[in-house]
Amino acid sequence: MADVLNRRRRRHGRRGGPDGGMREAALAYAAMGWPVCRGAAPSTMGGRACGCDRLGCPDPAAHPVSAAWAVEATTDAAVVDRWWTAQPESNVILPTGRVFDVFDVPAQAGVMAMARMDRAGAAPGPVAAVDARRYLFFVATRSPSDEDEWWSCHLDCVPETLEDTPGLRWHCRNSYVPAAPSLMPGGGRTAWIRSPQEGPGLPDPIAVLDVLADACEEFV
């Protein structure tokens, strides 16, 4: 499985989609209508993983710089340009639950799920790899009729109706994910496996969830 993962990354990891520098990528996402906000960068100080002020950061280099990120996130090119001109090392963060939701799974489960969807002729939509450890599957935003169905991977809450699936996180409202080419501690990056420009667009979340849940149960 490791060999399959490495071959897939070499074949797809840098193909298409916003890449290049952080500023260029942030502007490209904004031009697509995807709101962005500034993310913390890896620490340049020995013994620390994240460049934020929080000791023992639980999500190093993969979270917004500002606590007001949900309000600040924007598609305004002038604002985005100003942010990354002032702080070019800032990672790029994409809020979820607005244009898209994201399923976040271990890389091995992601590789298996993509292979199964390919064999079934079902396009998975945009997919990114975070530091070769986790896969992010971008899907259409779900609009539940019941407010209790809303939840966030970055808040201490999980809906009672959600079955526990090992290794699977569903990023929707009040959540976010790092975007390519964000730099992770240790030198890895977030990179597109299948870019937003490939395929038919954002797929139905429930169809993708079924495949991912099965794959996670086998690998986690």
N, C-alpha and C. Protein backbone atom coordinates (compact mmCIF):
# COMPACT_ATOMS: atom_id res chain seq x y z
N MET A 1 0.83 -1.22 0.00
CA MET A 1 0.00 0.00 0.00
C MET A 1 0.86 1.26 0.00
N ALA A 2 2.00 1.22 0.71
CA ALA A 2 2.89 2.38 0.72
C ALA A 2 3.40 2.69 -0.68
N ASP A 3 3.72 1.63 -1.47
CA ASP A 3 4.19 1.84 -2.83
C ASP A 3 3.11 2.47 -3.70
N VAL A 4 1.87 2.02 -3.51
CA VAL A 4 0.76 2.61 -4.27
C VAL A 4 0.61 4.09 -3.93
N LEU A 5 0.70 4.41 -2.65
CA LEU A 5 0.56 5.79 -2.22
C LEU A 5 1.66 6.65 -2.81
N ASN A 6 2.90 6.17 -2.79
CA ASN A 6 4.01 6.95 -3.31
C ASN A 6 3.88 7.16 -4.82
N ARG A 7 3.46 6.11 -5.55
CA ARG A 7 3.29 6.26 -6.99
C ARG A 7 2.20 7.26 -7.30
N ARG A 8 1.09 7.20 -6.54
CA ARG A 8 -0.01 8.13 -6.80
C ARG A 8 0.41 9.57 -6.52
N ARG A 9 1.19 9.79 -5.45
CA ARG A 9 1.65 11.15 -5.14
C ARG A 9 2.57 11.66 -6.24
N ARG A 10 3.49 10.81 -6.73
CA ARG A 10 4.42 11.25 -7.77
C ARG A 10 3.67 11.58 -9.05
N ARG A 11 2.61 10.81 -9.33
CA ARG A 11 1.89 10.99 -10.58
C ARG A 11 0.95 12.19 -10.55
N HIS A 12 0.32 12.43 -9.40
CA HIS A 12 -0.73 13.44 -9.34
C HIS A 12 -0.40 14.62 -8.43
N GLY A 13 0.55 14.49 -7.51
CA GLY A 13 0.67 15.44 -6.42
C GLY A 13 0.90 16.87 -6.81
N ARG A 14 1.54 17.13 -7.97
CA ARG A 14 1.82 18.50 -8.36
C ARG A 14 1.10 18.87 -9.65
N ARG A 15 0.09 18.08 -10.04
CA ARG A 15 -0.55 18.33 -11.32
C ARG A 15 -1.73 19.26 -11.15
N GLY A 16 -1.68 20.38 -11.86
CA GLY A 16 -2.85 21.25 -11.91
C GLY A 16 -3.15 21.94 -10.59
N GLY A 17 -4.15 22.82 -10.63
CA GLY A 17 -4.62 23.45 -9.41
C GLY A 17 -3.72 24.57 -8.94
N PRO A 18 -4.19 25.39 -8.01
CA PRO A 18 -3.37 26.46 -7.47
C PRO A 18 -2.17 25.89 -6.73
N ASP A 19 -0.98 26.28 -7.14
CA ASP A 19 0.21 25.88 -6.41
C ASP A 19 1.15 27.08 -6.41
N GLY A 20 2.44 26.88 -6.67
CA GLY A 20 3.36 28.00 -6.64
C GLY A 20 3.51 28.51 -5.23
N GLY A 21 3.64 29.84 -5.06
CA GLY A 21 3.79 30.45 -3.76
C GLY A 21 2.47 30.58 -3.03
N MET A 22 2.56 30.90 -1.73
CA MET A 22 1.34 31.03 -0.91
C MET A 22 0.44 32.15 -1.43
N ARG A 23 1.04 33.29 -1.75
CA ARG A 23 0.24 34.42 -2.22
C ARG A 23 -0.48 34.07 -3.52
N GLU A 24 0.25 33.47 -4.46
CA GLU A 24 -0.36 33.11 -5.75
C GLU A 24 -1.49 32.10 -5.56
N ALA A 25 -1.25 31.12 -4.67
CA ALA A 25 -2.29 30.13 -4.43
C ALA A 25 -3.52 30.74 -3.78
N ALA A 26 -3.30 31.60 -2.78
CA ALA A 26 -4.43 32.24 -2.10
C ALA A 26 -5.26 33.07 -3.08
N LEU A 27 -4.58 33.79 -3.96
CA LEU A 27 -5.30 34.59 -4.96
C LEU A 27 -6.06 33.71 -5.94
N ALA A 28 -5.47 32.56 -6.28
CA ALA A 28 -6.15 31.65 -7.20
C ALA A 28 -7.41 31.06 -6.57
N TYR A 29 -7.33 30.67 -5.29
CA TYR A 29 -8.53 30.16 -4.61
C TYR A 29 -9.61 31.25 -4.54
N ALA A 30 -9.20 32.46 -4.20
CA ALA A 30 -10.17 33.56 -4.12
C ALA A 30 -10.85 33.79 -5.47
N ALA A 31 -10.07 33.70 -6.55
CA ALA A 31 -10.63 33.89 -7.89
C ALA A 31 -11.63 32.80 -8.24
N MET A 32 -11.49 31.62 -7.63
CA MET A 32 -12.43 30.52 -7.83
C MET A 32 -13.70 30.69 -7.02
N GLY A 33 -13.72 31.70 -6.14
CA GLY A 33 -14.87 31.89 -5.25
C GLY A 33 -14.75 31.14 -3.96
N TRP A 34 -13.54 30.65 -3.62
CA TRP A 34 -13.29 29.93 -2.38
C TRP A 34 -12.70 30.91 -1.37
N PRO A 35 -13.39 31.26 -0.29
CA PRO A 35 -12.83 32.16 0.71
C PRO A 35 -11.56 31.57 1.33
N VAL A 36 -10.61 32.45 1.62
CA VAL A 36 -9.35 32.04 2.24
C VAL A 36 -9.06 32.91 3.45
N CYS A 37 -8.21 32.40 4.33
CA CYS A 37 -7.69 33.21 5.43
C CYS A 37 -6.26 32.76 5.69
N ARG A 38 -5.53 33.59 6.43
CA ARG A 38 -4.12 33.30 6.70
C ARG A 38 -3.99 32.17 7.72
N GLY A 39 -3.02 31.29 7.46
CA GLY A 39 -2.75 30.19 8.36
C GLY A 39 -1.40 30.33 9.03
N ALA A 40 -1.26 29.70 10.17
CA ALA A 40 0.03 29.68 10.86
C ALA A 40 1.05 28.94 10.02
N ALA A 41 2.29 29.36 10.12
CA ALA A 41 3.39 28.70 9.43
C ALA A 41 4.16 27.82 10.41
N PRO A 42 4.92 26.86 9.91
CA PRO A 42 5.75 26.06 10.82
C PRO A 42 6.75 26.96 11.56
N SER A 43 7.13 26.55 12.75
CA SER A 43 8.06 27.34 13.55
C SER A 43 9.48 27.23 13.00
N THR A 44 10.20 28.32 13.09
CA THR A 44 11.62 28.31 12.74
C THR A 44 12.48 28.19 13.98
N MET A 45 11.85 28.02 15.13
CA MET A 45 12.56 27.88 16.39
C MET A 45 12.65 26.40 16.76
N GLY A 46 13.81 25.97 17.21
CA GLY A 46 13.99 24.58 17.59
C GLY A 46 13.08 24.18 18.74
N GLY A 47 12.54 22.95 18.65
CA GLY A 47 11.69 22.43 19.72
C GLY A 47 10.22 22.77 19.58
N ARG A 48 9.85 23.57 18.60
CA ARG A 48 8.45 23.91 18.39
C ARG A 48 8.06 23.57 16.96
N ALA A 49 6.81 23.13 16.80
CA ALA A 49 6.34 22.74 15.47
C ALA A 49 5.59 23.86 14.78
N CYS A 50 4.89 24.70 15.55
CA CYS A 50 4.03 25.74 14.98
C CYS A 50 4.55 27.13 15.29
N GLY A 51 4.37 28.03 14.35
CA GLY A 51 4.82 29.39 14.53
C GLY A 51 3.87 30.26 15.33
N CYS A 52 2.75 29.69 15.82
CA CYS A 52 1.82 30.48 16.62
C CYS A 52 2.35 30.64 18.05
N ASP A 53 1.63 31.41 18.86
CA ASP A 53 2.06 31.69 20.23
C ASP A 53 1.65 30.61 21.22
N ARG A 54 0.90 29.62 20.77
CA ARG A 54 0.37 28.61 21.69
C ARG A 54 1.39 27.50 21.91
N LEU A 55 1.77 27.28 23.16
CA LEU A 55 2.67 26.20 23.50
C LEU A 55 1.96 24.86 23.33
N GLY A 56 2.61 23.91 22.71
CA GLY A 56 1.98 22.61 22.49
C GLY A 56 0.81 22.68 21.55
N CYS A 57 0.90 23.48 20.51
CA CYS A 57 -0.20 23.64 19.55
C CYS A 57 -0.68 22.26 19.07
N PRO A 58 -1.99 21.97 19.17
CA PRO A 58 -2.49 20.64 18.79
C PRO A 58 -2.62 20.44 17.28
N ASP A 59 -2.53 21.50 16.50
CA ASP A 59 -2.72 21.41 15.05
C ASP A 59 -1.67 22.26 14.34
N PRO A 60 -0.38 21.97 14.53
CA PRO A 60 0.68 22.87 14.06
C PRO A 60 0.64 23.15 12.57
N ALA A 61 0.70 24.45 12.25
CA ALA A 61 0.75 24.95 10.87
C ALA A 61 -0.47 24.58 10.05
N ALA A 62 -1.56 24.20 10.69
CA ALA A 62 -2.77 23.81 9.96
C ALA A 62 -4.00 24.52 10.50
N HIS A 63 -3.80 25.70 11.10
CA HIS A 63 -4.93 26.45 11.66
C HIS A 63 -4.77 27.93 11.32
N PRO A 64 -5.86 28.71 11.39
CA PRO A 64 -5.78 30.13 11.08
C PRO A 64 -4.91 30.90 12.07
N VAL A 65 -4.38 32.01 11.60
CA VAL A 65 -3.60 32.90 12.46
C VAL A 65 -4.51 33.62 13.43
N SER A 66 -5.65 34.07 12.94
CA SER A 66 -6.55 34.90 13.73
C SER A 66 -7.71 34.10 14.32
N ALA A 67 -8.09 34.43 15.55
CA ALA A 67 -9.26 33.82 16.17
C ALA A 67 -10.54 34.26 15.46
N ALA A 68 -10.48 35.36 14.71
CA ALA A 68 -11.63 35.87 13.98
C ALA A 68 -11.63 35.39 12.53
N TRP A 69 -11.02 34.23 12.28
CA TRP A 69 -10.87 33.73 10.90
C TRP A 69 -12.19 33.58 10.17
N ALA A 70 -13.25 33.18 10.90
CA ALA A 70 -14.53 32.94 10.25
C ALA A 70 -15.12 34.22 9.66
N VAL A 71 -14.83 35.34 10.31
CA VAL A 71 -15.30 36.64 9.81
C VAL A 71 -14.35 37.19 8.76
N GLU A 72 -13.07 36.97 8.97
CA GLU A 72 -12.06 37.56 8.08
C GLU A 72 -11.95 36.85 6.73
N ALA A 73 -12.27 35.57 6.66
CA ALA A 73 -12.11 34.81 5.42
C ALA A 73 -12.80 35.53 4.26
N THR A 74 -12.12 35.62 3.13
CA THR A 74 -12.62 36.47 2.05
C THR A 74 -12.19 35.96 0.69
N THR A 75 -12.89 36.44 -0.34
CA THR A 75 -12.48 36.23 -1.73
C THR A 75 -12.03 37.54 -2.35
N ASP A 76 -11.91 38.59 -1.56
CA ASP A 76 -11.49 39.91 -2.04
C ASP A 76 -10.00 39.86 -2.38
N ALA A 77 -9.68 39.99 -3.66
CA ALA A 77 -8.29 39.87 -4.11
C ALA A 77 -7.39 40.92 -3.49
N ALA A 78 -7.90 42.13 -3.30
CA ALA A 78 -7.08 43.19 -2.72
C ALA A 78 -6.69 42.87 -1.28
N VAL A 79 -7.65 42.32 -0.52
CA VAL A 79 -7.37 41.95 0.87
C VAL A 79 -6.39 40.77 0.91
N VAL A 80 -6.63 39.78 0.07
CA VAL A 80 -5.75 38.60 0.03
C VAL A 80 -4.33 39.02 -0.34
N ASP A 81 -4.21 39.86 -1.34
CA ASP A 81 -2.89 40.33 -1.77
C ASP A 81 -2.20 41.08 -0.64
N ARG A 82 -2.92 41.90 0.09
CA ARG A 82 -2.32 42.65 1.20
C ARG A 82 -1.84 41.72 2.31
N TRP A 83 -2.67 40.71 2.64
CA TRP A 83 -2.29 39.77 3.70
C TRP A 83 -0.98 39.06 3.39
N TRP A 84 -0.89 38.46 2.19
CA TRP A 84 0.28 37.64 1.89
C TRP A 84 1.49 38.46 1.45
N THR A 85 1.27 39.72 1.04
CA THR A 85 2.41 40.60 0.80
C THR A 85 3.07 40.95 2.13
N ALA A 86 2.24 41.16 3.16
CA ALA A 86 2.78 41.48 4.48
C ALA A 86 3.36 40.26 5.18
N GLN A 87 2.75 39.09 4.98
CA GLN A 87 3.20 37.85 5.65
C GLN A 87 3.27 36.72 4.62
N PRO A 88 4.28 36.75 3.75
CA PRO A 88 4.35 35.78 2.65
C PRO A 88 4.53 34.34 3.09
N GLU A 89 4.98 34.13 4.33
CA GLU A 89 5.19 32.77 4.82
C GLU A 89 3.91 32.13 5.35
N SER A 90 2.83 32.91 5.49
CA SER A 90 1.59 32.38 6.04
C SER A 90 1.04 31.25 5.16
N ASN A 91 0.62 30.17 5.81
CA ASN A 91 -0.06 29.11 5.08
C ASN A 91 -1.44 29.59 4.62
N VAL A 92 -2.08 28.79 3.77
CA VAL A 92 -3.40 29.13 3.25
C VAL A 92 -4.43 28.21 3.88
N ILE A 93 -5.46 28.79 4.47
CA ILE A 93 -6.53 28.03 5.12
C ILE A 93 -7.84 28.25 4.36
N LEU A 94 -8.56 27.15 4.13
CA LEU A 94 -9.86 27.21 3.46
C LEU A 94 -10.97 26.89 4.46
N PRO A 95 -11.85 27.83 4.78
CA PRO A 95 -13.00 27.52 5.62
C PRO A 95 -13.94 26.55 4.90
N THR A 96 -14.51 25.64 5.65
CA THR A 96 -15.45 24.67 5.08
C THR A 96 -16.88 25.03 5.47
N GLY A 97 -17.83 24.35 4.83
CA GLY A 97 -19.24 24.60 5.12
C GLY A 97 -19.79 25.82 4.42
N ARG A 98 -19.05 26.37 3.47
CA ARG A 98 -19.51 27.53 2.70
C ARG A 98 -19.68 27.15 1.23
N VAL A 99 -18.56 26.89 0.56
CA VAL A 99 -18.61 26.43 -0.81
C VAL A 99 -18.57 24.91 -0.86
N PHE A 100 -17.91 24.29 0.10
CA PHE A 100 -17.71 22.85 0.12
C PHE A 100 -17.56 22.36 1.55
N ASP A 101 -17.77 21.05 1.75
CA ASP A 101 -17.37 20.35 2.96
C ASP A 101 -16.15 19.51 2.61
N VAL A 102 -15.48 18.98 3.62
CA VAL A 102 -14.30 18.16 3.38
C VAL A 102 -14.33 16.93 4.29
N PHE A 103 -14.13 15.76 3.70
CA PHE A 103 -13.91 14.54 4.47
C PHE A 103 -12.40 14.33 4.59
N ASP A 104 -11.95 14.12 5.81
CA ASP A 104 -10.53 14.03 6.15
C ASP A 104 -10.26 12.62 6.66
N VAL A 105 -9.43 11.85 5.91
CA VAL A 105 -9.20 10.45 6.25
C VAL A 105 -7.71 10.12 6.20
N PRO A 106 -7.28 9.04 6.87
CA PRO A 106 -5.88 8.61 6.74
C PRO A 106 -5.54 8.32 5.29
N ALA A 107 -4.28 8.56 4.92
CA ALA A 107 -3.88 8.44 3.52
C ALA A 107 -4.16 7.05 2.94
N GLN A 108 -3.89 5.99 3.73
CA GLN A 108 -4.11 4.65 3.20
C GLN A 108 -5.57 4.41 2.84
N ALA A 109 -6.47 4.90 3.70
CA ALA A 109 -7.89 4.77 3.41
C ALA A 109 -8.27 5.60 2.20
N GLY A 110 -7.66 6.78 2.07
CA GLY A 110 -7.94 7.64 0.92
C GLY A 110 -7.54 7.01 -0.39
N VAL A 111 -6.36 6.37 -0.43
CA VAL A 111 -5.90 5.69 -1.64
C VAL A 111 -6.87 4.58 -2.03
N MET A 112 -7.29 3.78 -1.05
CA MET A 112 -8.22 2.69 -1.34
C MET A 112 -9.55 3.24 -1.84
N ALA A 113 -10.06 4.29 -1.20
CA ALA A 113 -11.34 4.85 -1.61
C ALA A 113 -11.28 5.40 -3.03
N MET A 114 -10.19 6.09 -3.38
CA MET A 114 -10.06 6.62 -4.73
C MET A 114 -10.01 5.50 -5.75
N ALA A 115 -9.29 4.41 -5.45
CA ALA A 115 -9.22 3.28 -6.37
C ALA A 115 -10.60 2.67 -6.58
N ARG A 116 -11.35 2.54 -5.50
CA ARG A 116 -12.70 1.95 -5.61
C ARG A 116 -13.62 2.86 -6.42
N MET A 117 -13.53 4.17 -6.20
CA MET A 117 -14.37 5.09 -6.97
C MET A 117 -13.97 5.09 -8.44
N ASP A 118 -12.66 5.02 -8.71
CA ASP A 118 -12.20 4.96 -10.10
C ASP A 118 -12.75 3.72 -10.80
N ARG A 119 -12.69 2.58 -10.11
CA ARG A 119 -13.17 1.34 -10.73
C ARG A 119 -14.68 1.39 -10.98
N ALA A 120 -15.39 2.10 -10.10
CA ALA A 120 -16.84 2.20 -10.24
C ALA A 120 -17.26 3.30 -11.21
N GLY A 121 -16.29 4.05 -11.72
CA GLY A 121 -16.61 5.15 -12.63
C GLY A 121 -17.22 6.34 -11.94
N ALA A 122 -16.98 6.46 -10.62
CA ALA A 122 -17.52 7.58 -9.84
C ALA A 122 -16.40 8.55 -9.51
N ALA A 123 -16.49 9.77 -10.04
CA ALA A 123 -15.44 10.76 -9.81
C ALA A 123 -15.46 11.22 -8.35
N PRO A 124 -14.32 11.20 -7.65
CA PRO A 124 -14.30 11.62 -6.26
C PRO A 124 -14.33 13.12 -6.06
N GLY A 125 -14.09 13.91 -7.10
CA GLY A 125 -13.99 15.36 -6.93
C GLY A 125 -12.59 15.75 -6.51
N PRO A 126 -12.38 17.01 -6.09
CA PRO A 126 -11.04 17.44 -5.68
C PRO A 126 -10.55 16.65 -4.46
N VAL A 127 -9.29 16.27 -4.49
CA VAL A 127 -8.67 15.54 -3.38
C VAL A 127 -7.28 16.10 -3.14
N ALA A 128 -6.95 16.35 -1.88
CA ALA A 128 -5.63 16.85 -1.52
C ALA A 128 -5.01 15.94 -0.47
N ALA A 129 -3.69 15.92 -0.41
CA ALA A 129 -2.95 15.17 0.60
C ALA A 129 -2.27 16.16 1.53
N VAL A 130 -2.39 15.94 2.83
CA VAL A 130 -1.74 16.79 3.82
C VAL A 130 -0.52 16.05 4.35
N ASP A 131 0.66 16.51 3.94
CA ASP A 131 1.91 15.95 4.44
C ASP A 131 1.98 14.44 4.24
N ALA A 132 1.32 13.94 3.18
CA ALA A 132 1.32 12.52 2.84
C ALA A 132 0.74 11.64 3.94
N ARG A 133 0.07 12.23 4.93
CA ARG A 133 -0.48 11.47 6.04
C ARG A 133 -1.99 11.35 5.97
N ARG A 134 -2.66 12.39 5.46
CA ARG A 134 -4.11 12.39 5.42
C ARG A 134 -4.58 12.88 4.05
N TYR A 135 -5.72 12.37 3.62
CA TYR A 135 -6.33 12.79 2.37
C TYR A 135 -7.57 13.63 2.69
N LEU A 136 -7.75 14.69 1.92
CA LEU A 136 -8.91 15.57 2.05
C LEU A 136 -9.78 15.43 0.81
N PHE A 137 -11.01 14.98 0.99
CA PHE A 137 -11.97 14.82 -0.11
C PHE A 137 -12.96 15.99 -0.06
N PHE A 138 -12.95 16.82 -1.09
CA PHE A 138 -13.83 17.99 -1.15
C PHE A 138 -15.15 17.58 -1.78
N VAL A 139 -16.25 17.90 -1.10
CA VAL A 139 -17.58 17.52 -1.56
C VAL A 139 -18.52 18.71 -1.46
N ALA A 140 -19.70 18.57 -2.07
CA ALA A 140 -20.69 19.65 -1.99
C ALA A 140 -21.11 19.87 -0.55
N THR A 141 -21.35 21.12 -0.19
CA THR A 141 -21.78 21.45 1.16
C THR A 141 -23.18 20.92 1.40
N ARG A 142 -23.34 20.25 2.52
CA ARG A 142 -24.65 19.71 2.88
C ARG A 142 -25.40 20.74 3.70
N SER A 143 -26.66 20.93 3.41
CA SER A 143 -27.50 21.90 4.12
C SER A 143 -28.57 21.15 4.91
N PRO A 144 -28.27 20.73 6.13
CA PRO A 144 -29.24 19.95 6.90
C PRO A 144 -30.44 20.78 7.32
N SER A 145 -31.57 20.12 7.45
CA SER A 145 -32.78 20.81 7.88
C SER A 145 -32.80 21.00 9.39
N ASP A 146 -32.02 20.20 10.09
CA ASP A 146 -31.99 20.25 11.55
C ASP A 146 -30.68 20.89 12.01
N GLU A 147 -30.75 21.97 12.75
CA GLU A 147 -29.55 22.67 13.23
C GLU A 147 -28.66 21.75 14.06
N ASP A 148 -29.23 20.74 14.71
CA ASP A 148 -28.41 19.83 15.52
C ASP A 148 -27.47 18.99 14.67
N GLU A 149 -27.72 18.93 13.36
CA GLU A 149 -26.83 18.15 12.50
C GLU A 149 -25.53 18.89 12.20
N TRP A 150 -25.49 20.21 12.46
CA TRP A 150 -24.27 20.97 12.23
C TRP A 150 -23.25 20.63 13.31
N TRP A 151 -22.02 20.52 12.90
CA TRP A 151 -20.96 20.31 13.88
C TRP A 151 -19.63 20.73 13.28
N SER A 152 -18.62 20.84 14.11
CA SER A 152 -17.30 21.28 13.65
C SER A 152 -16.23 20.36 14.19
N CYS A 153 -15.25 20.04 13.34
CA CYS A 153 -14.11 19.24 13.79
C CYS A 153 -13.22 20.02 14.74
N HIS A 154 -13.38 21.33 14.79
CA HIS A 154 -12.51 22.17 15.61
C HIS A 154 -13.23 22.75 16.82
N LEU A 155 -14.42 22.21 17.11
CA LEU A 155 -15.14 22.55 18.34
C LEU A 155 -15.42 21.25 19.09
N ASP A 156 -15.63 21.35 20.37
CA ASP A 156 -15.84 20.16 21.18
C ASP A 156 -17.29 19.71 21.09
N CYS A 157 -17.68 19.23 19.92
CA CYS A 157 -19.05 18.77 19.75
C CYS A 157 -19.13 17.77 18.61
N VAL A 158 -19.97 16.79 18.76
CA VAL A 158 -20.23 15.78 17.73
C VAL A 158 -21.73 15.47 17.78
N PRO A 159 -22.41 15.44 16.65
CA PRO A 159 -23.86 15.18 16.68
C PRO A 159 -24.16 13.76 17.13
N GLU A 160 -25.24 13.60 17.88
CA GLU A 160 -25.61 12.28 18.37
C GLU A 160 -25.97 11.33 17.23
N THR A 161 -26.40 11.89 16.09
CA THR A 161 -26.83 11.06 14.98
C THR A 161 -25.68 10.55 14.14
N LEU A 162 -24.45 11.04 14.36
CA LEU A 162 -23.31 10.63 13.55
C LEU A 162 -22.67 9.37 14.11
N GLU A 163 -22.63 8.31 13.31
CA GLU A 163 -21.98 7.09 13.74
C GLU A 163 -20.47 7.29 13.78
N ASP A 164 -19.83 6.73 14.78
CA ASP A 164 -18.39 6.86 14.93
C ASP A 164 -17.68 6.02 13.88
N THR A 165 -16.91 6.67 13.01
CA THR A 165 -16.11 5.98 12.00
C THR A 165 -14.66 6.27 12.27
N PRO A 166 -13.86 5.28 12.66
CA PRO A 166 -12.47 5.52 13.03
C PRO A 166 -11.68 6.22 11.93
N GLY A 167 -10.99 7.29 12.30
CA GLY A 167 -10.11 7.98 11.37
C GLY A 167 -10.77 9.01 10.48
N LEU A 168 -12.10 9.05 10.44
CA LEU A 168 -12.82 9.96 9.55
C LEU A 168 -13.25 11.22 10.28
N ARG A 169 -12.94 12.38 9.68
CA ARG A 169 -13.43 13.66 10.19
C ARG A 169 -14.18 14.36 9.08
N TRP A 170 -15.31 14.97 9.44
CA TRP A 170 -16.13 15.68 8.47
C TRP A 170 -16.04 17.17 8.80
N HIS A 171 -15.37 17.93 7.96
CA HIS A 171 -15.23 19.38 8.16
C HIS A 171 -16.39 20.08 7.45
N CYS A 172 -17.23 20.74 8.22
CA CYS A 172 -18.32 21.52 7.63
C CYS A 172 -18.30 22.91 8.26
N ARG A 173 -19.45 23.41 8.70
CA ARG A 173 -19.50 24.77 9.21
C ARG A 173 -18.62 24.92 10.45
N ASN A 174 -17.96 26.08 10.57
CA ASN A 174 -17.08 26.41 11.69
C ASN A 174 -15.81 25.57 11.70
N SER A 175 -15.46 25.00 10.56
CA SER A 175 -14.22 24.23 10.47
C SER A 175 -13.42 24.73 9.28
N TYR A 176 -12.27 24.10 9.05
CA TYR A 176 -11.35 24.56 8.01
C TYR A 176 -10.33 23.47 7.72
N VAL A 177 -9.63 23.64 6.59
CA VAL A 177 -8.55 22.71 6.24
C VAL A 177 -7.41 23.51 5.63
N PRO A 178 -6.17 23.01 5.73
CA PRO A 178 -5.06 23.67 5.04
C PRO A 178 -5.15 23.41 3.54
N ALA A 179 -4.71 24.37 2.76
CA ALA A 179 -4.78 24.25 1.30
C ALA A 179 -3.38 24.17 0.71
N ALA A 180 -3.27 23.52 -0.44
CA ALA A 180 -2.01 23.51 -1.17
C ALA A 180 -1.61 24.94 -1.52
N PRO A 181 -0.32 25.29 -1.39
CA PRO A 181 0.84 24.45 -1.06
C PRO A 181 1.33 24.66 0.38
N SER A 182 0.40 24.72 1.34
CA SER A 182 0.77 25.01 2.73
C SER A 182 1.86 24.06 3.22
N LEU A 183 2.83 24.64 3.94
CA LEU A 183 3.98 23.90 4.44
C LEU A 183 3.70 23.37 5.84
N MET A 184 3.97 22.09 6.03
CA MET A 184 3.75 21.45 7.32
C MET A 184 5.06 21.30 8.09
N PRO A 185 5.01 21.14 9.41
CA PRO A 185 6.23 20.88 10.17
C PRO A 185 6.94 19.64 9.63
N GLY A 186 8.24 19.70 9.54
CA GLY A 186 8.99 18.58 9.00
C GLY A 186 9.28 18.71 7.51
N GLY A 187 8.68 19.72 6.85
CA GLY A 187 8.99 19.98 5.45
C GLY A 187 8.00 19.47 4.44
N GLY A 188 7.02 18.65 4.87
CA GLY A 188 6.00 18.20 3.93
C GLY A 188 5.02 19.31 3.60
N ARG A 189 4.24 19.11 2.58
CA ARG A 189 3.27 20.12 2.17
C ARG A 189 1.88 19.52 1.96
N THR A 190 0.91 20.40 1.88
CA THR A 190 -0.40 20.02 1.37
C THR A 190 -0.34 20.14 -0.15
N ALA A 191 -0.73 19.10 -0.86
CA ALA A 191 -0.63 19.09 -2.32
C ALA A 191 -1.88 18.46 -2.93
N TRP A 192 -2.27 18.93 -4.09
CA TRP A 192 -3.42 18.37 -4.77
C TRP A 192 -3.09 17.01 -5.37
N ILE A 193 -3.95 16.04 -5.12
CA ILE A 193 -3.91 14.76 -5.81
C ILE A 193 -4.78 14.87 -7.06
N ARG A 194 -5.97 15.44 -6.89
CA ARG A 194 -6.82 15.81 -8.01
C ARG A 194 -7.28 17.25 -7.75
N SER A 195 -6.91 18.14 -8.62
CA SER A 195 -7.13 19.56 -8.38
C SER A 195 -8.59 19.95 -8.63
N PRO A 196 -8.99 21.13 -8.17
CA PRO A 196 -10.38 21.58 -8.41
C PRO A 196 -10.71 21.75 -9.89
N GLN A 197 -9.69 21.88 -10.73
CA GLN A 197 -9.93 22.03 -12.16
C GLN A 197 -10.19 20.71 -12.86
N GLU A 198 -9.94 19.60 -12.18
CA GLU A 198 -10.16 18.28 -12.77
C GLU A 198 -11.56 17.76 -12.42
N GLY A 199 -12.14 17.00 -13.33
CA GLY A 199 -13.39 16.32 -13.01
C GLY A 199 -14.61 17.21 -13.12
N PRO A 200 -15.77 16.66 -12.73
CA PRO A 200 -17.05 17.35 -12.91
C PRO A 200 -17.41 18.34 -11.81
N GLY A 201 -16.59 18.48 -10.80
CA GLY A 201 -16.90 19.42 -9.71
C GLY A 201 -17.06 18.70 -8.39
N LEU A 202 -17.81 19.32 -7.48
CA LEU A 202 -17.97 18.78 -6.13
C LEU A 202 -19.05 17.69 -6.11
N PRO A 203 -18.69 16.48 -5.67
CA PRO A 203 -19.67 15.39 -5.68
C PRO A 203 -20.61 15.44 -4.49
N ASP A 204 -21.64 14.60 -4.54
CA ASP A 204 -22.58 14.47 -3.43
C ASP A 204 -21.85 13.89 -2.21
N PRO A 205 -21.97 14.50 -1.04
CA PRO A 205 -21.19 14.04 0.11
C PRO A 205 -21.56 12.65 0.60
N ILE A 206 -22.83 12.27 0.53
CA ILE A 206 -23.25 10.98 1.08
C ILE A 206 -22.67 9.83 0.26
N ALA A 207 -22.61 9.99 -1.07
CA ALA A 207 -22.05 8.94 -1.91
C ALA A 207 -20.56 8.73 -1.60
N VAL A 208 -19.83 9.83 -1.41
CA VAL A 208 -18.41 9.73 -1.09
C VAL A 208 -18.22 9.19 0.33
N LEU A 209 -19.07 9.62 1.25
CA LEU A 209 -18.96 9.17 2.63
C LEU A 209 -19.08 7.66 2.75
N ASP A 210 -19.98 7.06 2.00
CA ASP A 210 -20.17 5.61 2.07
C ASP A 210 -18.87 4.87 1.73
N VAL A 211 -18.18 5.32 0.68
CA VAL A 211 -16.94 4.67 0.27
C VAL A 211 -15.84 4.92 1.29
N LEU A 212 -15.73 6.14 1.78
CA LEU A 212 -14.69 6.48 2.75
C LEU A 212 -14.88 5.75 4.07
N ALA A 213 -16.12 5.63 4.52
CA ALA A 213 -16.38 4.94 5.79
C ALA A 213 -15.95 3.48 5.71
N ASP A 214 -16.25 2.83 4.58
CA ASP A 214 -15.83 1.43 4.42
C ASP A 214 -14.31 1.31 4.42
N ALA A 215 -13.64 2.23 3.72
CA ALA A 215 -12.18 2.18 3.64
C ALA A 215 -11.55 2.44 5.01
N CYS A 216 -12.10 3.38 5.78
CA CYS A 216 -11.56 3.67 7.10
C CYS A 216 -11.71 2.49 8.05
N GLU A 217 -12.82 1.81 7.96
CA GLU A 217 -13.04 0.66 8.85
C GLU A 217 -12.03 -0.47 8.59
N GLU A 218 -11.53 -0.53 7.35
CA GLU A 218 -10.56 -1.57 7.01
C GLU A 218 -9.15 -1.20 7.43
N PHE A 219 -8.84 0.12 7.49
CA PHE A 219 -7.46 0.52 7.72
C PHE A 219 -7.20 1.09 9.11
N VAL A 220 -8.23 1.47 9.83
CA VAL A 220 -8.01 2.13 11.13
C VAL A 220 -8.42 1.20 12.26
